[in-house]
Amino acid sequence: MKSVSSFLKVFQSRKMAALLLLGFSSGLPFLLPRSNLQAWMTVEKVNLGAIGLFALVNLPYSLKFLWSPILDRYIPPFLGRRRGWLLITQVALILAIAALYFQKPGQALQLLAINAVLIAFFGATQDIAADAYRTDVLEKLEMGAGAAVFVLGYRLALLATGSIAFILADSIPWPSVFLFMSLLMLIGVIASFFAPEPPEDENRPETLREAVVLPFGDYFYRHGLLLGLVILLFIILYSLGDAFLSSLSTPFLIKIGFAQKEIGAIRGGMGLIATIVGTLTGGAILSKIGINRSLWIFGFLQALSNIGYFALAQAGKNYPLLVLSINVENFCGGLAAAGFVAFLMSLCNQRFSATQYALLTSFMAVSRDLLVAPSGFLAVRTGWPVFFLISIFAAIPGLLLLPIVAPWNPRPQPMPRPGLDESENLDL
């Protein structure tokens, strides 16, 4: 009981409360150019191929490492290096999301795409700042709990956009729904003001060149060239199966006969509980068995969770199966996200946390945005059952890299050689 009590105390702090709200703010814009716009375009009779290609509007999440050094190098004149950038991007997101109120997908799809790209750009930039803040503010022993709390907030936001938005869309037009979503971004603004400031790293980059060059040199110096490249490949492939499922799950559910209100109600009811339980369970397991073993267990469970949608594709409109599929997906997704976030944080050096974490998550976004872009055309050619089978097998390549990237019994890390100045090793 004492160990359980000490574990729960980690969550009872201003720091963890801030991470929960910042996780919500970080997750809110993510699904807007995806699930919500997909549903809106489906209702407006936009063809499935164009809806699938709309995954490309999220390219800023894949390319955010290109401008992440700016957030490492420059400090806004208010709220410090991390919180200042959080506030700037949150205000920009409020305006960009509210602008969806004026869009008409059936008449001007290009304007909608531009608006969606702006949301993705500011959302990706907010992620850079939020990920760096989380990496900087958490002590080593807090990483499991901190990752779980942040992911919980993130997935609560995904449920807000994937549940509340759908329920509202059955009563009010989608443009009004987006206006409401823009107001929810105020949660992030409030969190940015009261979040504790992380300790400032005195060795932060002094020039933009240092902010661009040194993070890459540091990453490959610590991991080695070959292993460093394999880790990047692993990051691309680890969640590929889940990315395939997420890319078309909403259009699939609508096309087999479920109403938007029904989808939203199930996602926001038991799906919400499954997400909370999965994320907190992931954090608890992570603190007990470590990051490496968590990646194994959570990765296999996440891949198997797609079986529910395969069964639903064969059964058609079936409410019990829908409830089961969404709950299993949310629970396993919470587990996997908690483990993966902790893994990415463990790879970063605080001196360059914004750039390095952005680089790592940019590679993760390659599978989510680029590799699944043809998913709409694939679903049309194969049919829904085969498509969801493909999504299960797509997870296998990432899992096969686990023995190299995260061995079940990791070797102890070698101690740094005495007298070796890190700056000398990174002088490129």
Protein backbone atom coordinates (compact mmCIF):
# COMPACT_ATOMS: atom_id res chain seq x y z
CA MET A 1 0.00 0.00 0.00
CA LYS A 2 2.86 2.35 0.78
CA SER A 3 4.30 1.99 -2.73
CA VAL A 4 0.88 2.64 -4.28
CA SER A 5 0.40 5.73 -2.09
CA SER A 6 3.82 7.12 -3.02
CA PHE A 7 3.08 6.49 -6.70
CA LEU A 8 -0.23 8.38 -6.53
CA LYS A 9 1.42 11.35 -4.78
CA VAL A 10 3.48 11.98 -7.92
CA PHE A 11 0.26 12.96 -9.71
CA GLN A 12 -0.81 15.44 -6.99
CA SER A 13 1.23 18.50 -7.90
CA ARG A 14 0.96 21.77 -9.76
CA LYS A 15 3.42 20.42 -12.28
CA MET A 16 1.24 17.42 -13.11
CA ALA A 17 -1.91 19.55 -13.27
CA ALA A 18 -0.16 21.84 -15.76
CA LEU A 19 0.98 18.85 -17.85
CA LEU A 20 -2.59 17.52 -17.93
CA LEU A 21 -3.97 20.82 -19.27
CA LEU A 22 -1.05 21.36 -21.67
CA GLY A 23 -1.58 17.83 -22.96
CA PHE A 24 -5.22 18.74 -23.63
CA SER A 25 -4.18 21.92 -25.44
CA SER A 26 -1.61 19.98 -27.48
CA GLY A 27 -4.10 17.30 -28.51
CA LEU A 28 -7.03 19.58 -29.38
CA PRO A 29 -5.84 20.81 -32.82
CA PHE A 30 -4.46 17.42 -33.86
CA LEU A 31 -7.70 15.74 -34.97
CA LEU A 32 -9.34 18.86 -36.37
CA PRO A 33 -7.70 18.57 -39.82
CA ARG A 34 -8.26 14.81 -39.66
CA SER A 35 -11.31 13.26 -38.04
CA ASN A 36 -13.51 16.37 -37.83
CA LEU A 37 -12.80 17.66 -41.32
CA GLN A 38 -13.11 14.11 -42.66
CA ALA A 39 -16.60 13.85 -41.16
CA TRP A 40 -17.55 17.29 -42.48
CA MET A 41 -16.29 16.46 -45.96
CA THR A 42 -18.05 13.08 -45.89
CA VAL A 43 -21.34 14.79 -45.03
CA GLU A 44 -20.69 17.33 -47.81
CA LYS A 45 -20.21 14.43 -50.32
CA VAL A 46 -16.50 15.02 -51.00
CA ASN A 47 -15.06 11.85 -52.63
CA LEU A 48 -13.19 9.32 -50.46
CA GLY A 49 -9.90 9.67 -52.37
CA ALA A 50 -9.75 13.40 -51.64
CA ILE A 51 -10.59 12.75 -47.99
CA GLY A 52 -7.71 10.26 -47.74
CA LEU A 53 -5.29 12.72 -49.35
CA PHE A 54 -6.30 15.30 -46.76
CA ALA A 55 -3.90 13.50 -44.41
CA LEU A 56 -1.20 15.52 -46.21
CA VAL A 57 -2.39 18.75 -44.58
CA ASN A 58 -0.74 17.41 -41.42
CA LEU A 59 2.72 17.54 -43.03
CA PRO A 60 3.83 20.28 -40.58
CA TYR A 61 3.81 17.59 -37.88
CA SER A 62 6.33 15.65 -40.00
CA LEU A 63 8.49 18.68 -40.79
CA LYS A 64 8.42 20.56 -37.47
CA PHE A 65 12.07 19.75 -36.77
CA LEU A 66 12.91 22.31 -39.50
CA TRP A 67 11.84 25.28 -37.36
CA SER A 68 12.20 23.72 -33.89
CA PRO A 69 15.74 25.20 -33.41
CA ILE A 70 14.12 28.65 -33.32
CA LEU A 71 12.26 27.63 -30.16
CA ASP A 72 15.48 26.34 -28.59
CA ARG A 73 17.47 29.45 -29.48
CA TYR A 74 15.12 32.40 -28.94
CA ILE A 75 13.22 33.36 -25.79
CA PRO A 76 9.97 35.36 -26.07
CA PRO A 77 9.84 38.54 -23.94
CA PHE A 78 7.27 36.95 -21.62
CA LEU A 79 6.81 33.66 -19.67
CA GLY A 80 10.26 32.24 -20.49
CA ARG A 81 11.66 30.02 -23.25
CA ARG A 82 9.02 27.26 -23.14
CA ARG A 83 5.84 28.87 -21.80
CA GLY A 84 6.26 31.98 -23.96
CA TRP A 85 6.21 29.95 -27.16
CA LEU A 86 3.26 27.94 -25.82
CA LEU A 87 1.20 31.11 -25.38
CA ILE A 88 2.08 32.46 -28.84
CA THR A 89 1.02 29.27 -30.61
CA GLN A 90 -2.14 28.88 -28.55
CA VAL A 91 -3.40 32.35 -29.48
CA ALA A 92 -2.61 31.64 -33.15
CA LEU A 93 -4.55 28.36 -32.92
CA ILE A 94 -7.61 30.09 -31.48
CA LEU A 95 -7.71 32.35 -34.55
CA ALA A 96 -6.94 29.59 -37.09
CA ILE A 97 -9.56 27.16 -35.73
CA ALA A 98 -12.17 29.92 -35.55
CA ALA A 99 -11.48 30.67 -39.23
CA LEU A 100 -13.00 27.27 -40.14
CA TYR A 101 -16.37 28.89 -39.44
CA PHE A 102 -16.12 30.62 -42.83
CA GLN A 103 -15.10 27.55 -44.91
CA LYS A 104 -17.28 25.63 -47.41
CA PRO A 105 -15.79 22.20 -48.29
CA GLY A 106 -18.25 21.48 -51.10
CA GLN A 107 -17.37 24.73 -52.91
CA ALA A 108 -13.79 25.68 -52.03
CA LEU A 109 -11.80 22.63 -50.96
CA GLN A 110 -8.47 24.40 -51.57
CA LEU A 111 -9.26 27.18 -49.09
CA LEU A 112 -10.23 24.56 -46.53
CA ALA A 113 -6.91 22.79 -47.13
CA ILE A 114 -4.95 26.02 -46.58
CA ASN A 115 -6.84 26.69 -43.36
CA ALA A 116 -6.18 23.11 -42.23
CA VAL A 117 -2.45 23.45 -42.98
CA LEU A 118 -2.30 26.60 -40.82
CA ILE A 119 -3.95 24.74 -37.94
CA ALA A 120 -1.47 21.89 -38.38
CA PHE A 121 1.49 24.33 -38.50
CA PHE A 122 0.54 26.13 -35.30
CA GLY A 123 -0.46 22.83 -33.68
CA ALA A 124 2.92 21.30 -34.56
CA THR A 125 4.71 24.38 -33.22
CA GLN A 126 2.73 24.16 -29.98
CA ASP A 127 3.78 20.50 -29.78
CA ILE A 128 7.45 21.52 -30.07
CA ALA A 129 7.09 23.86 -27.11
CA ALA A 130 4.92 21.49 -25.06
CA ASP A 131 7.20 18.48 -25.62
CA ALA A 132 10.26 20.54 -24.72
CA TYR A 133 8.54 21.90 -21.61
CA ARG A 134 7.58 18.40 -20.47
CA THR A 135 11.09 17.06 -21.11
CA ASP A 136 12.70 19.97 -19.22
CA VAL A 137 10.37 20.15 -16.22
CA LEU A 138 10.25 16.45 -15.30
CA GLU A 139 12.82 14.77 -13.09
CA LYS A 140 13.98 11.32 -14.14
CA LEU A 141 11.78 9.54 -11.58
CA GLU A 142 8.75 11.59 -12.70
CA MET A 143 8.98 10.65 -16.38
CA GLY A 144 6.57 7.72 -16.24
CA ALA A 145 3.91 9.66 -14.32
CA GLY A 146 4.50 12.85 -16.31
CA ALA A 147 4.23 11.06 -19.63
CA ALA A 148 1.00 9.35 -18.51
CA VAL A 149 -0.58 12.61 -17.30
CA PHE A 150 0.35 14.50 -20.47
CA VAL A 151 -0.89 11.68 -22.70
CA LEU A 152 -4.10 11.54 -20.65
CA GLY A 153 -4.72 15.23 -21.32
CA TYR A 154 -3.83 14.71 -24.98
CA ARG A 155 -6.22 11.82 -25.40
CA LEU A 156 -8.98 13.66 -23.54
CA ALA A 157 -8.62 16.35 -26.19
CA LEU A 158 -8.82 13.72 -28.91
CA LEU A 159 -12.04 12.53 -27.35
CA ALA A 160 -13.35 16.10 -27.19
CA THR A 161 -12.74 16.52 -30.92
CA GLY A 162 -13.79 12.95 -31.68
CA SER A 163 -16.80 12.81 -29.37
CA ILE A 164 -18.20 16.15 -28.21
CA ALA A 165 -17.69 17.62 -31.66
CA PHE A 166 -19.62 14.78 -33.29
CA ILE A 167 -22.48 15.03 -30.80
CA LEU A 168 -22.73 18.77 -31.41
CA ALA A 169 -22.53 18.27 -35.19
CA ASP A 170 -25.86 16.45 -35.12
CA SER A 171 -27.51 19.53 -33.60
CA ILE A 172 -25.58 22.50 -34.99
CA PRO A 173 -23.59 23.03 -38.22
CA TRP A 174 -19.94 21.98 -38.33
CA PRO A 175 -18.72 25.62 -38.66
CA SER A 176 -20.32 26.43 -35.30
CA VAL A 177 -18.70 23.32 -33.80
CA PHE A 178 -15.27 24.58 -34.86
CA LEU A 179 -15.98 27.96 -33.28
CA PHE A 180 -16.69 26.16 -30.01
CA MET A 181 -13.47 24.14 -30.38
CA SER A 182 -11.46 27.33 -30.79
CA LEU A 183 -12.72 28.50 -27.39
CA LEU A 184 -11.51 25.28 -25.76
CA MET A 185 -7.95 26.36 -26.63
CA LEU A 186 -8.28 28.87 -23.78
CA ILE A 187 -7.56 25.92 -21.47
CA GLY A 188 -4.02 25.88 -22.83
CA VAL A 189 -3.65 29.63 -22.42
CA ILE A 190 -4.60 29.35 -18.74
CA ALA A 191 -2.20 26.42 -18.27
CA SER A 192 0.69 28.35 -19.82
CA PHE A 193 0.28 31.12 -17.24
CA PHE A 194 0.19 28.96 -14.09
CA ALA A 195 2.56 26.15 -15.19
CA PRO A 196 5.83 26.14 -13.18
CA GLU A 197 8.84 27.32 -15.15
CA PRO A 198 11.40 24.55 -15.76
CA PRO A 199 14.97 25.22 -14.64
CA GLU A 200 16.80 27.13 -17.35
CA ASP A 201 19.71 25.29 -18.93
CA GLU A 202 22.71 27.61 -18.82
CA ASN A 203 24.20 25.72 -21.77
CA ARG A 204 21.33 26.50 -24.14
CA PRO A 205 22.42 27.27 -27.73
CA GLU A 206 23.85 30.77 -28.06
CA THR A 207 23.48 31.01 -31.85
CA LEU A 208 20.97 29.72 -34.34
CA ARG A 209 23.73 27.65 -35.97
CA GLU A 210 24.35 25.88 -32.65
CA ALA A 211 20.62 25.29 -32.26
CA VAL A 212 20.49 23.67 -35.71
CA VAL A 213 23.72 21.67 -35.84
CA LEU A 214 24.49 20.55 -32.28
CA PRO A 215 21.25 18.66 -31.53
CA PHE A 216 21.86 16.28 -34.44
CA GLY A 217 25.49 15.80 -33.51
CA ASP A 218 24.57 15.18 -29.88
CA TYR A 219 21.92 12.60 -30.81
CA PHE A 220 24.24 10.52 -33.02
CA TYR A 221 27.18 10.92 -30.62
CA ARG A 222 25.19 9.41 -27.76
CA HIS A 223 23.54 6.61 -29.76
CA GLY A 224 26.03 5.98 -32.55
CA LEU A 225 25.30 6.39 -36.26
CA LEU A 226 23.90 2.92 -36.99
CA LEU A 227 21.76 2.57 -33.85
CA GLY A 228 20.66 6.19 -34.17
CA LEU A 229 19.33 5.50 -37.68
CA VAL A 230 17.63 2.27 -36.57
CA ILE A 231 15.92 4.16 -33.72
CA LEU A 232 14.58 6.70 -36.23
CA LEU A 233 13.27 3.85 -38.42
CA PHE A 234 11.66 2.27 -35.37
CA ILE A 235 9.92 5.55 -34.51
CA ILE A 236 8.46 5.67 -38.02
CA LEU A 237 7.18 2.08 -37.90
CA TYR A 238 6.13 1.52 -34.28
CA SER A 239 2.64 3.06 -34.60
CA LEU A 240 2.13 2.48 -38.33
CA GLY A 241 -0.71 0.00 -37.77
CA ASP A 242 -2.56 2.43 -35.52
CA ALA A 243 -1.97 5.22 -38.05
CA PHE A 244 -3.69 3.19 -40.79
CA LEU A 245 -6.66 2.55 -38.52
CA SER A 246 -6.98 6.18 -37.40
CA SER A 247 -6.71 7.56 -40.94
CA LEU A 248 -10.14 6.28 -42.00
CA SER A 249 -11.93 5.05 -38.87
CA THR A 250 -14.39 7.96 -38.87
CA PRO A 251 -15.43 7.76 -42.56
CA PHE A 252 -15.68 3.96 -42.13
CA LEU A 253 -18.10 4.23 -39.20
CA ILE A 254 -20.24 6.81 -40.98
CA LYS A 255 -20.34 4.79 -44.22
CA ILE A 256 -21.51 1.58 -42.53
CA GLY A 257 -24.47 3.43 -41.06
CA PHE A 258 -23.58 4.92 -37.67
CA ALA A 259 -24.77 8.48 -37.02
CA GLN A 260 -22.25 11.12 -35.98
CA LYS A 261 -24.07 11.50 -32.66
CA GLU A 262 -23.79 7.77 -31.97
CA ILE A 263 -20.06 7.74 -32.72
CA GLY A 264 -19.50 10.75 -30.49
CA ALA A 265 -21.58 9.37 -27.62
CA ILE A 266 -19.72 6.04 -27.52
CA ARG A 267 -16.30 7.67 -27.85
CA GLY A 268 -17.15 10.18 -25.13
CA GLY A 269 -18.74 7.67 -22.75
CA MET A 270 -17.07 4.33 -22.22
CA GLY A 271 -14.34 5.31 -24.67
CA LEU A 272 -13.35 8.16 -22.34
CA ILE A 273 -13.18 5.79 -19.38
CA ALA A 274 -11.11 3.32 -21.40
CA THR A 275 -8.68 6.08 -22.34
CA ILE A 276 -8.23 7.26 -18.75
CA VAL A 277 -7.77 3.71 -17.45
CA GLY A 278 -5.40 2.79 -20.29
CA THR A 279 -3.21 5.87 -19.90
CA LEU A 280 -2.90 5.72 -16.11
CA THR A 281 -2.38 1.95 -16.26
CA GLY A 282 0.37 2.55 -18.82
CA GLY A 283 2.06 5.03 -16.49
CA ALA A 284 1.84 2.63 -13.55
CA ILE A 285 3.20 -0.34 -15.52
CA LEU A 286 5.92 1.86 -16.98
CA SER A 287 7.15 2.84 -13.51
CA LYS A 288 7.29 -0.84 -12.50
CA ILE A 289 8.84 -2.63 -15.49
CA GLY A 290 10.65 0.19 -17.32
CA ILE A 291 10.38 1.73 -20.77
CA ASN A 292 11.79 -1.12 -22.85
CA ARG A 293 9.50 -3.88 -21.63
CA SER A 294 6.53 -1.51 -21.77
CA LEU A 295 7.20 -0.89 -25.47
CA TRP A 296 7.02 -4.64 -26.13
CA ILE A 297 3.78 -5.27 -24.25
CA PHE A 298 1.99 -2.08 -25.31
CA GLY A 299 3.09 -2.39 -28.95
CA PHE A 300 1.66 -5.90 -29.34
CA LEU A 301 -1.60 -4.92 -27.62
CA GLN A 302 -1.98 -1.85 -29.84
CA ALA A 303 -1.55 -3.94 -32.99
CA LEU A 304 -4.09 -6.53 -31.83
CA SER A 305 -6.63 -3.83 -30.93
CA ASN A 306 -7.30 -3.30 -34.68
CA ILE A 307 -9.00 -6.70 -34.83
CA GLY A 308 -12.17 -5.07 -33.50
CA TYR A 309 -12.52 -2.90 -36.58
CA PHE A 310 -11.84 -5.89 -38.82
CA ALA A 311 -14.72 -7.73 -37.15
CA LEU A 312 -16.92 -4.64 -37.42
CA ALA A 313 -16.16 -4.37 -41.14
CA GLN A 314 -17.48 -7.89 -41.61
CA ALA A 315 -20.48 -7.59 -39.28
CA GLY A 316 -21.66 -4.18 -40.48
CA LYS A 317 -23.67 -1.87 -38.23
CA ASN A 318 -23.45 -3.60 -34.85
CA TYR A 319 -23.66 -1.50 -31.67
CA PRO A 320 -22.12 -3.98 -29.16
CA LEU A 321 -19.19 -4.56 -31.51
CA LEU A 322 -18.76 -0.81 -32.01
CA VAL A 323 -18.62 -0.27 -28.25
CA LEU A 324 -16.08 -3.08 -27.86
CA SER A 325 -13.91 -1.88 -30.76
CA ILE A 326 -13.74 1.74 -29.57
CA ASN A 327 -13.07 0.76 -25.95
CA VAL A 328 -10.29 -1.68 -26.80
CA GLU A 329 -8.72 0.80 -29.23
CA ASN A 330 -8.77 3.62 -26.65
CA PHE A 331 -7.43 1.46 -23.81
CA CYS A 332 -4.56 0.02 -25.87
CA GLY A 333 -3.88 3.40 -27.46
CA GLY A 334 -3.50 4.94 -23.98
CA LEU A 335 -1.06 2.22 -22.97
CA ALA A 336 1.07 2.56 -26.11
CA ALA A 337 1.12 6.36 -26.06
CA ALA A 338 2.32 6.52 -22.45
CA GLY A 339 5.18 4.12 -23.17
CA PHE A 340 6.18 5.77 -26.44
CA VAL A 341 6.23 9.31 -25.03
CA ALA A 342 8.47 8.18 -22.17
CA PHE A 343 10.75 6.44 -24.67
CA LEU A 344 11.10 9.59 -26.80
CA MET A 345 11.82 11.75 -23.74
CA SER A 346 14.56 9.32 -22.68
CA LEU A 347 16.33 9.93 -26.00
CA CYS A 348 16.59 13.72 -25.54
CA ASN A 349 19.27 16.00 -24.12
CA GLN A 350 17.68 18.88 -22.15
CA ARG A 351 20.03 21.37 -23.82
CA PHE A 352 18.35 20.70 -27.18
CA SER A 353 15.05 19.16 -26.03
CA ALA A 354 12.83 21.21 -28.38
CA THR A 355 14.81 20.32 -31.51
CA GLN A 356 15.55 16.70 -30.61
CA TYR A 357 12.01 15.85 -29.52
CA ALA A 358 10.65 17.60 -32.61
CA LEU A 359 13.01 15.58 -34.78
CA LEU A 360 11.90 12.32 -33.20
CA THR A 361 8.19 13.08 -33.39
CA SER A 362 8.63 14.29 -36.97
CA PHE A 363 9.78 10.81 -37.88
CA MET A 364 6.78 9.39 -36.04
CA ALA A 365 4.54 11.68 -38.11
CA VAL A 366 5.97 10.23 -41.34
CA SER A 367 3.95 7.06 -40.80
CA ARG A 368 0.91 8.98 -39.58
CA ASP A 369 0.80 11.48 -42.46
CA LEU A 370 2.85 10.30 -45.44
CA LEU A 371 2.70 6.51 -45.40
CA VAL A 372 -1.07 6.46 -44.83
CA ALA A 373 -1.92 9.21 -47.34
CA PRO A 374 -3.07 6.66 -49.99
CA SER A 375 -5.27 4.89 -47.40
CA GLY A 376 -8.50 6.12 -49.00
CA PHE A 377 -7.56 4.66 -52.39
CA LEU A 378 -6.38 1.45 -50.66
CA ALA A 379 -9.70 1.04 -48.86
CA VAL A 380 -11.61 1.55 -52.12
CA ARG A 381 -9.56 -1.13 -53.91
CA THR A 382 -9.43 -3.73 -51.12
CA GLY A 383 -12.67 -3.18 -49.21
CA TRP A 384 -12.91 -2.44 -45.49
CA PRO A 385 -12.17 -5.93 -44.05
CA VAL A 386 -8.92 -6.33 -46.00
CA PHE A 387 -7.94 -2.73 -45.23
CA PHE A 388 -8.15 -3.35 -41.48
CA LEU A 389 -6.22 -6.61 -41.85
CA ILE A 390 -3.48 -4.60 -43.59
CA SER A 391 -3.51 -2.18 -40.65
CA ILE A 392 -2.74 -5.08 -38.28
CA PHE A 393 0.14 -6.43 -40.38
CA ALA A 394 1.51 -2.87 -40.79
CA ALA A 395 2.49 -2.95 -37.10
CA ILE A 396 4.80 -5.97 -37.49
CA PRO A 397 7.93 -4.25 -38.95
CA GLY A 398 8.15 -1.87 -35.98
CA LEU A 399 7.74 -4.69 -33.48
CA LEU A 400 10.54 -6.66 -35.17
CA LEU A 401 12.96 -3.82 -34.35
CA LEU A 402 12.28 -3.99 -30.60
CA PRO A 403 15.17 -6.42 -29.82
CA ILE A 404 17.60 -3.87 -31.28
CA VAL A 405 16.08 -0.59 -30.12
CA ALA A 406 14.57 -1.62 -26.77
CA PRO A 407 15.88 -5.07 -25.73
CA TRP A 408 13.80 -6.83 -23.10
CA ASN A 409 16.86 -7.00 -20.82
CA PRO A 410 18.75 -3.76 -21.57
CA ARG A 411 22.47 -3.54 -20.99
CA PRO A 412 23.71 -1.03 -18.38
CA GLN A 413 24.65 2.30 -19.95
CA PRO A 414 28.43 2.91 -19.96
CA MET A 415 29.67 5.67 -17.68
CA PRO A 416 31.07 8.73 -19.52
CA ARG A 417 34.84 8.88 -19.74
CA PRO A 418 36.25 11.20 -17.03
CA GLY A 419 37.61 14.51 -18.17
CA LEU A 420 35.77 14.42 -21.48
CA ASP A 421 34.04 17.70 -22.26
CA GLU A 422 30.76 17.12 -24.07
CA SER A 423 31.16 20.34 -26.04
CA GLU A 424 34.39 19.02 -27.52
CA ASN A 425 32.64 15.89 -28.77
CA LEU A 426 29.93 17.97 -30.38
CA ASP A 427 32.20 20.53 -32.02
CA LEU A 428 31.15 19.91 -35.59
